[in-house]
Amino acid sequence: MEGNVDLFVEMLKIDSTSSSERAFSEFLKKRLQDGICRVESFEVGDGTENLLFSWGKPEIVFCTHLDTVPPYIPPVLEDGVAKGRGTCDAKGQIMAMYSACMELRDRGETGFGLLLLAGEETGSFGAKSFRNVHPGAEYVIVGEPTDNCMASASKGTKSFEVTIAGKKAHSGYPEYGVSAVDLFVDFMERLRQTDFPEDPELGMTTYNVGKLESPNPQNVLSDKVTFRLYFRTTFVSDSIVSEVIPGFANSFISVRALGGDTPSRYLVLGGFPSKPVAFGSDAPQLTNFRNKILCGPGSILAAHTSSEYILLDDMWQARDNYVKMFSMLKYGNI
């Protein structure tokens, strides 16, 4: 069954990059109101809001996020493919889940909801806020681009803020200073030589450097390098990373742990393909829900890229999947 493409395009035309998603949530509060559901808004505290649309008292909640990563990319729709920012991460999830809610409503079902959270891309601030003000429910189905496979497990995350202090000197006489850049290179080489065990389910531990900065002039030795170190951890490496990386600190290097999520396992229903995933989501932070499913249309390899896209057929397949999941959970066919 063909879905409401016009509504999807309306969503995609609104810039909802992280911290700017309020206009999008205000649009959805009005646009998704069907005259039957209850609409609740929960302030996050940073100018954004979470939204909960409820048909009856929801025990099965469809959930995804409002914000997208920058930069905003306007939508293009052609040949059954929607391109642009948010198409798969996560406005395609919103569209598929809302369409499932409309299908369930038309069937006369109740006891379900649609939860839309702010700030997922910048630290799951909406999810952390929501769990403190709402009792949750028995089941939450979290939408992320998993190729319509149920995620059996997901990697955790660990973030560290690292500052390396050197000593300024004229670059023609480096022996009179200490290069923070050289110390950074040594840090990274030590990290490359660190052996994190391979997990039989989630595979290798990976890491990335972001926000790397050394503001020195080109002819002056760097006296400061700062960066973020971001890990994707596994069941066997999560605690090891938390213990090992702070040990890199010395008289030149400070390491501050910023926290993160632990690796998680999710409920998998029969009849659906499943696989582990390496990315994070709001799911680990939704501790007010007793059972979690992670599943949605689109590819994570397209998310966060300049060529982000989703196949409309995959989005409508996700809608049908969500309806089936609801029936299986509600009527005990799991």
Protein backbone atom coordinates (compact mmCIF):
# COMPACT_ATOMS: atom_id res chain seq x y z
CA MET A 1 0.00 0.00 0.00
CA GLU A 2 1.39 3.39 -1.00
CA GLY A 3 1.91 5.83 1.83
CA ASN A 4 1.60 9.59 2.29
CA VAL A 5 4.63 10.80 0.34
CA ASP A 6 3.52 14.44 0.53
CA LEU A 7 3.68 14.38 4.34
CA PHE A 8 7.12 12.82 4.19
CA VAL A 9 8.38 15.56 1.87
CA GLU A 10 6.91 18.20 4.20
CA MET A 11 8.95 16.70 7.03
CA LEU A 12 12.13 16.65 4.98
CA LYS A 13 11.76 20.32 4.03
CA ILE A 14 12.11 21.38 7.66
CA ASP A 15 15.65 21.84 8.94
CA SER A 16 15.82 19.92 12.22
CA THR A 17 19.56 19.67 12.72
CA SER A 18 20.50 19.10 16.36
CA SER A 19 19.54 22.00 18.67
CA SER A 20 17.29 23.39 15.91
CA GLU A 21 14.59 20.69 15.99
CA ARG A 22 11.98 22.79 17.82
CA ALA A 23 10.39 24.02 14.59
CA PHE A 24 10.05 20.42 13.47
CA SER A 25 8.44 19.28 16.71
CA GLU A 26 6.02 22.22 16.62
CA PHE A 27 5.06 21.22 13.06
CA LEU A 28 4.50 17.58 14.06
CA LYS A 29 2.35 18.47 17.07
CA LYS A 30 -0.17 19.98 14.70
CA ARG A 31 0.34 17.87 11.59
CA LEU A 32 0.21 14.42 13.18
CA GLN A 33 -2.81 15.13 15.39
CA ASP A 34 -5.56 12.90 14.01
CA GLY A 35 -8.37 14.05 16.31
CA ILE A 36 -8.21 10.82 18.32
CA CYS A 37 -4.74 10.57 19.84
CA ARG A 38 -3.55 12.40 22.91
CA VAL A 39 -0.54 14.65 22.25
CA GLU A 40 1.87 15.42 25.08
CA SER A 41 4.92 17.68 25.02
CA PHE A 42 7.80 17.29 27.47
CA GLU A 43 10.36 20.08 27.70
CA VAL A 44 13.93 18.79 27.67
CA GLY A 45 15.39 21.94 29.22
CA ASP A 46 17.56 23.13 26.36
CA GLY A 47 14.86 24.67 24.20
CA THR A 48 13.85 21.35 22.61
CA GLU A 49 10.91 19.09 23.43
CA ASN A 50 9.91 15.44 23.33
CA LEU A 51 6.53 14.46 21.90
CA LEU A 52 4.29 11.51 22.78
CA PHE A 53 1.25 10.65 20.67
CA SER A 54 -0.96 8.09 22.45
CA TRP A 55 -3.86 5.99 21.26
CA GLY A 56 -5.22 4.68 24.55
CA LYS A 57 -2.75 3.84 27.31
CA PRO A 58 0.37 2.81 25.38
CA GLU A 59 2.03 -0.43 26.37
CA ILE A 60 3.75 -0.72 22.99
CA VAL A 61 5.54 2.47 21.94
CA PHE A 62 7.16 3.25 18.61
CA CYS A 63 10.07 5.62 19.14
CA THR A 64 12.64 7.52 17.13
CA HIS A 65 14.32 10.92 17.17
CA LEU A 66 13.55 14.39 15.89
CA ASP A 67 17.03 15.78 15.27
CA THR A 68 19.38 15.18 12.35
CA VAL A 69 23.10 15.73 11.94
CA PRO A 70 24.27 18.88 10.15
CA PRO A 71 24.42 20.17 7.54
CA TYR A 72 20.85 20.42 6.34
CA ILE A 73 20.39 18.98 2.84
CA PRO A 74 17.07 19.75 1.04
CA PRO A 75 15.07 16.75 -0.20
CA VAL A 76 14.94 15.38 -3.73
CA LEU A 77 12.37 12.73 -4.64
CA GLU A 78 12.77 10.68 -7.82
CA ASP A 79 12.14 7.14 -8.99
CA GLY A 80 10.97 5.89 -5.62
CA VAL A 81 14.04 7.22 -3.79
CA ALA A 82 14.04 10.11 -1.31
CA LYS A 83 17.37 11.87 -0.91
CA GLY A 84 18.39 14.51 1.61
CA ARG A 85 19.11 15.01 5.28
CA GLY A 86 17.00 12.87 7.56
CA THR A 87 15.59 10.58 4.89
CA CYS A 88 16.76 7.47 6.74
CA ASP A 89 18.01 9.01 10.00
CA ALA A 90 15.42 9.49 11.22
CA LYS A 91 12.49 11.10 9.39
CA GLY A 92 12.01 7.92 7.39
CA GLN A 93 11.59 6.21 10.75
CA ILE A 94 9.02 8.80 11.85
CA MET A 95 7.07 8.39 8.63
CA ALA A 96 7.06 4.59 8.80
CA MET A 97 6.06 4.57 12.48
CA TYR A 98 3.34 7.18 12.11
CA SER A 99 1.95 5.28 9.11
CA ALA A 100 1.89 2.12 11.25
CA CYS A 101 0.00 4.03 13.93
CA MET A 102 -2.59 5.14 11.36
CA GLU A 103 -2.99 1.56 10.18
CA LEU A 104 -3.47 0.31 13.73
CA ARG A 105 -5.95 3.10 14.47
CA ASP A 106 -7.96 2.23 11.39
CA ARG A 107 -8.05 -1.40 12.54
CA GLY A 108 -9.55 -0.27 15.84
CA GLU A 109 -6.46 -1.05 17.91
CA THR A 110 -5.50 0.90 21.03
CA GLY A 111 -2.68 0.72 23.56
CA PHE A 112 0.11 2.11 21.39
CA GLY A 113 2.03 5.35 21.08
CA LEU A 114 4.57 7.26 19.02
CA LEU A 115 7.43 8.82 21.00
CA LEU A 116 9.65 11.39 19.26
CA LEU A 117 12.79 12.42 21.13
CA ALA A 118 15.07 15.43 20.83
CA GLY A 119 18.85 15.46 20.90
CA GLU A 120 19.66 11.87 19.99
CA GLU A 121 22.58 12.84 17.77
CA THR A 122 24.28 14.91 20.47
CA GLY A 123 24.00 12.67 23.52
CA SER A 124 20.44 11.32 23.79
CA PHE A 125 19.41 14.28 25.92
CA GLY A 126 15.74 13.81 25.06
CA ALA A 127 15.77 10.15 26.06
CA LYS A 128 17.57 10.90 29.33
CA SER A 129 15.02 13.61 30.12
CA PHE A 130 12.00 11.47 29.18
CA ARG A 131 12.95 8.53 31.40
CA ASN A 132 12.91 10.87 34.40
CA VAL A 133 9.38 12.18 33.82
CA HIS A 134 7.46 9.23 32.37
CA PRO A 135 6.95 5.66 33.63
CA GLY A 136 7.50 4.17 30.18
CA ALA A 137 5.81 0.95 29.15
CA GLU A 138 6.30 -2.76 28.55
CA TYR A 139 7.72 -2.45 25.02
CA VAL A 140 9.54 0.20 23.00
CA ILE A 141 10.34 -0.27 19.32
CA VAL A 142 13.18 2.11 18.44
CA GLY A 143 13.56 3.15 14.81
CA GLU A 144 17.05 3.44 13.36
CA PRO A 145 18.36 2.50 9.89
CA THR A 146 18.96 -1.26 10.25
CA ASP A 147 17.95 -2.34 6.71
CA ASN A 148 14.66 -3.49 8.24
CA CYS A 149 16.55 -6.10 10.26
CA MET A 150 16.03 -6.48 13.99
CA ALA A 151 19.20 -5.57 15.84
CA SER A 152 20.21 -8.44 18.10
CA ALA A 153 22.81 -6.29 19.86
CA SER A 154 24.52 -2.93 19.55
CA LYS A 155 27.95 -1.65 20.48
CA GLY A 156 28.43 0.70 23.39
CA THR A 157 30.14 4.07 23.37
CA LYS A 158 32.81 5.68 25.51
CA SER A 159 33.97 9.27 25.07
CA PHE A 160 37.07 10.99 26.45
CA GLU A 161 38.29 14.58 26.36
CA VAL A 162 42.06 14.67 25.97
CA THR A 163 44.32 17.69 26.46
CA ILE A 164 48.04 17.54 25.65
CA ALA A 165 50.24 20.34 26.97
CA GLY A 166 53.57 21.20 25.35
CA LYS A 167 55.93 24.15 25.54
CA LYS A 168 56.11 26.94 22.98
CA ALA A 169 59.35 27.58 21.12
CA HIS A 170 60.50 29.08 17.85
CA SER A 171 60.09 26.36 15.25
CA GLY A 172 63.65 26.95 14.09
CA TYR A 173 64.86 25.88 17.55
CA PRO A 174 62.51 23.01 18.55
CA GLU A 175 65.04 21.73 21.13
CA TYR A 176 63.96 24.63 23.39
CA GLY A 177 60.31 23.54 23.49
CA VAL A 178 58.05 20.51 23.64
CA SER A 179 55.76 19.90 20.69
CA ALA A 180 52.24 18.94 21.76
CA VAL A 181 51.71 17.67 18.23
CA ASP A 182 54.59 15.22 18.59
CA LEU A 183 53.09 14.09 21.90
CA PHE A 184 49.75 13.62 20.12
CA VAL A 185 51.43 11.41 17.53
CA ASP A 186 52.99 9.37 20.34
CA PHE A 187 49.58 9.10 22.03
CA MET A 188 47.96 7.79 18.86
CA GLU A 189 50.76 5.32 18.23
CA ARG A 190 50.37 3.96 21.75
CA LEU A 191 46.64 3.66 21.16
CA ARG A 192 47.20 1.79 17.89
CA GLN A 193 49.42 -0.65 19.75
CA THR A 194 46.78 -1.31 22.41
CA ASP A 195 45.14 -4.69 21.89
CA PHE A 196 41.42 -4.79 22.64
CA PRO A 197 39.95 -8.31 22.51
CA GLU A 198 37.61 -9.25 19.68
CA ASP A 199 34.03 -9.94 20.71
CA PRO A 200 32.39 -13.07 19.22
CA GLU A 201 29.11 -11.19 18.77
CA LEU A 202 30.02 -7.54 18.16
CA GLY A 203 33.48 -7.92 16.63
CA MET A 204 36.29 -5.40 16.97
CA THR A 205 36.47 -2.32 19.18
CA THR A 206 36.88 0.83 17.10
CA TYR A 207 37.58 4.47 17.87
CA ASN A 208 37.57 7.87 16.22
CA VAL A 209 39.21 11.24 16.92
CA GLY A 210 37.06 14.36 16.69
CA LYS A 211 37.28 18.07 17.51
CA LEU A 212 41.04 17.94 17.00
CA GLU A 213 42.62 21.37 17.48
CA SER A 214 46.07 22.90 17.82
CA PRO A 215 45.81 26.66 17.31
CA ASN A 216 49.54 27.45 17.17
CA PRO A 217 51.03 29.50 14.28
CA GLN A 218 52.95 27.43 11.75
CA ASN A 219 56.29 28.77 12.93
CA VAL A 220 55.74 28.14 16.64
CA LEU A 221 55.83 24.75 18.36
CA SER A 222 52.39 23.75 19.54
CA ASP A 223 51.89 24.09 23.28
CA LYS A 224 48.40 22.57 23.26
CA VAL A 225 46.44 19.88 21.42
CA THR A 226 42.86 19.06 22.38
CA PHE A 227 40.56 16.38 20.97
CA ARG A 228 37.75 13.96 21.71
CA LEU A 229 38.37 10.22 21.61
CA TYR A 230 35.21 8.25 20.85
CA PHE A 231 35.02 4.46 21.17
CA ARG A 232 32.55 1.87 19.91
CA THR A 233 32.86 -0.82 22.55
CA THR A 234 31.81 -4.47 22.78
CA PHE A 235 30.66 -6.74 25.58
CA VAL A 236 34.24 -7.84 26.22
CA SER A 237 35.94 -4.46 25.80
CA ASP A 238 33.61 -1.92 27.40
CA SER A 239 35.09 -2.07 30.88
CA ILE A 240 38.63 -2.46 29.50
CA VAL A 241 38.37 0.82 27.57
CA SER A 242 37.09 2.59 30.68
CA GLU A 243 40.11 1.35 32.63
CA VAL A 244 42.87 1.62 30.01
CA ILE A 245 42.38 5.05 28.43
CA PRO A 246 42.60 7.10 31.67
CA GLY A 247 45.96 5.37 32.16
CA PHE A 248 47.32 7.30 29.17
CA ALA A 249 47.47 10.42 31.35
CA ASN A 250 50.86 11.71 32.48
CA SER A 251 52.52 15.04 33.27
CA PHE A 252 51.81 16.28 29.72
CA ILE A 253 48.47 14.57 29.05
CA SER A 254 45.13 14.88 30.87
CA VAL A 255 42.24 12.52 30.11
CA ARG A 256 38.68 13.19 31.23
CA ALA A 257 36.06 10.45 30.83
CA LEU A 258 32.77 11.80 29.45
CA GLY A 259 30.72 8.62 29.80
CA GLY A 260 28.70 6.79 27.18
CA ASP A 261 26.49 3.74 26.76
CA THR A 262 27.22 0.11 27.50
CA PRO A 263 26.70 -2.52 24.77
CA SER A 264 23.11 -3.79 24.67
CA ARG A 265 21.08 -6.78 23.55
CA TYR A 266 17.57 -6.42 22.16
CA LEU A 267 14.43 -8.45 21.78
CA VAL A 268 14.24 -10.26 18.44
CA LEU A 269 10.91 -11.60 17.17
CA GLY A 270 10.53 -14.69 15.04
CA GLY A 271 10.07 -14.22 11.31
CA PHE A 272 12.30 -11.14 11.02
CA PRO A 273 15.94 -11.07 9.88
CA SER A 274 18.37 -9.96 12.58
CA LYS A 275 21.97 -8.80 12.95
CA PRO A 276 24.22 -6.94 15.42
CA VAL A 277 24.91 -3.25 14.76
CA ALA A 278 27.87 -1.02 15.56
CA PHE A 279 26.06 2.28 16.07
CA GLY A 280 24.45 3.87 19.09
CA SER A 281 20.86 5.00 19.61
CA ASP A 282 18.44 6.25 22.26
CA ALA A 283 17.55 2.66 23.16
CA PRO A 284 20.10 2.13 25.98
CA GLN A 285 18.94 5.34 27.67
CA LEU A 286 15.26 4.36 27.67
CA THR A 287 15.50 2.51 30.97
CA ASN A 288 11.82 3.15 31.72
CA PHE A 289 10.87 0.51 29.13
CA ARG A 290 11.18 -3.15 30.08
CA ASN A 291 11.70 -4.65 26.61
CA LYS A 292 13.38 -3.02 23.62
CA ILE A 293 13.40 -3.69 19.89
CA LEU A 294 15.72 -1.84 17.50
CA CYS A 295 14.62 -1.93 13.86
CA GLY A 296 13.98 0.40 10.95
CA PRO A 297 14.30 1.13 7.22
CA GLY A 298 17.34 2.51 5.42
CA SER A 299 21.05 1.87 5.63
CA ILE A 300 23.34 3.16 8.37
CA LEU A 301 25.99 3.49 5.65
CA ALA A 302 23.89 6.24 4.07
CA ALA A 303 23.12 8.02 7.35
CA HIS A 304 25.25 11.07 8.25
CA THR A 305 26.55 11.32 4.66
CA SER A 306 26.00 13.88 1.91
CA SER A 307 24.24 11.18 -0.12
CA GLU A 308 21.74 10.11 2.56
CA TYR A 309 18.70 8.41 1.04
CA ILE A 310 15.88 5.94 1.64
CA LEU A 311 13.88 3.73 -0.72
CA LEU A 312 10.19 4.48 -0.33
CA ASP A 313 9.40 0.78 -0.70
CA ASP A 314 11.67 0.04 2.28
CA MET A 315 9.87 2.70 4.32
CA TRP A 316 6.46 1.18 3.56
CA GLN A 317 7.84 -2.27 4.32
CA ALA A 318 8.92 -0.93 7.71
CA ARG A 319 5.39 0.34 8.30
CA ASP A 320 4.04 -3.15 7.64
CA ASN A 321 6.75 -4.65 9.87
CA TYR A 322 5.80 -2.36 12.75
CA VAL A 323 2.14 -3.33 12.45
CA LYS A 324 3.14 -7.00 12.54
CA MET A 325 5.41 -6.43 15.56
CA PHE A 326 2.57 -4.74 17.43
CA SER A 327 0.24 -7.67 16.77
CA MET A 328 2.85 -10.20 17.85
CA LEU A 329 3.60 -8.34 21.07
CA LYS A 330 0.00 -7.55 21.98
CA TYR A 331 -1.45 -10.96 21.25
CA GLY A 332 1.47 -13.02 22.52
CA ASN A 333 2.66 -14.50 19.25
CA ILE A 334 6.37 -14.16 20.09
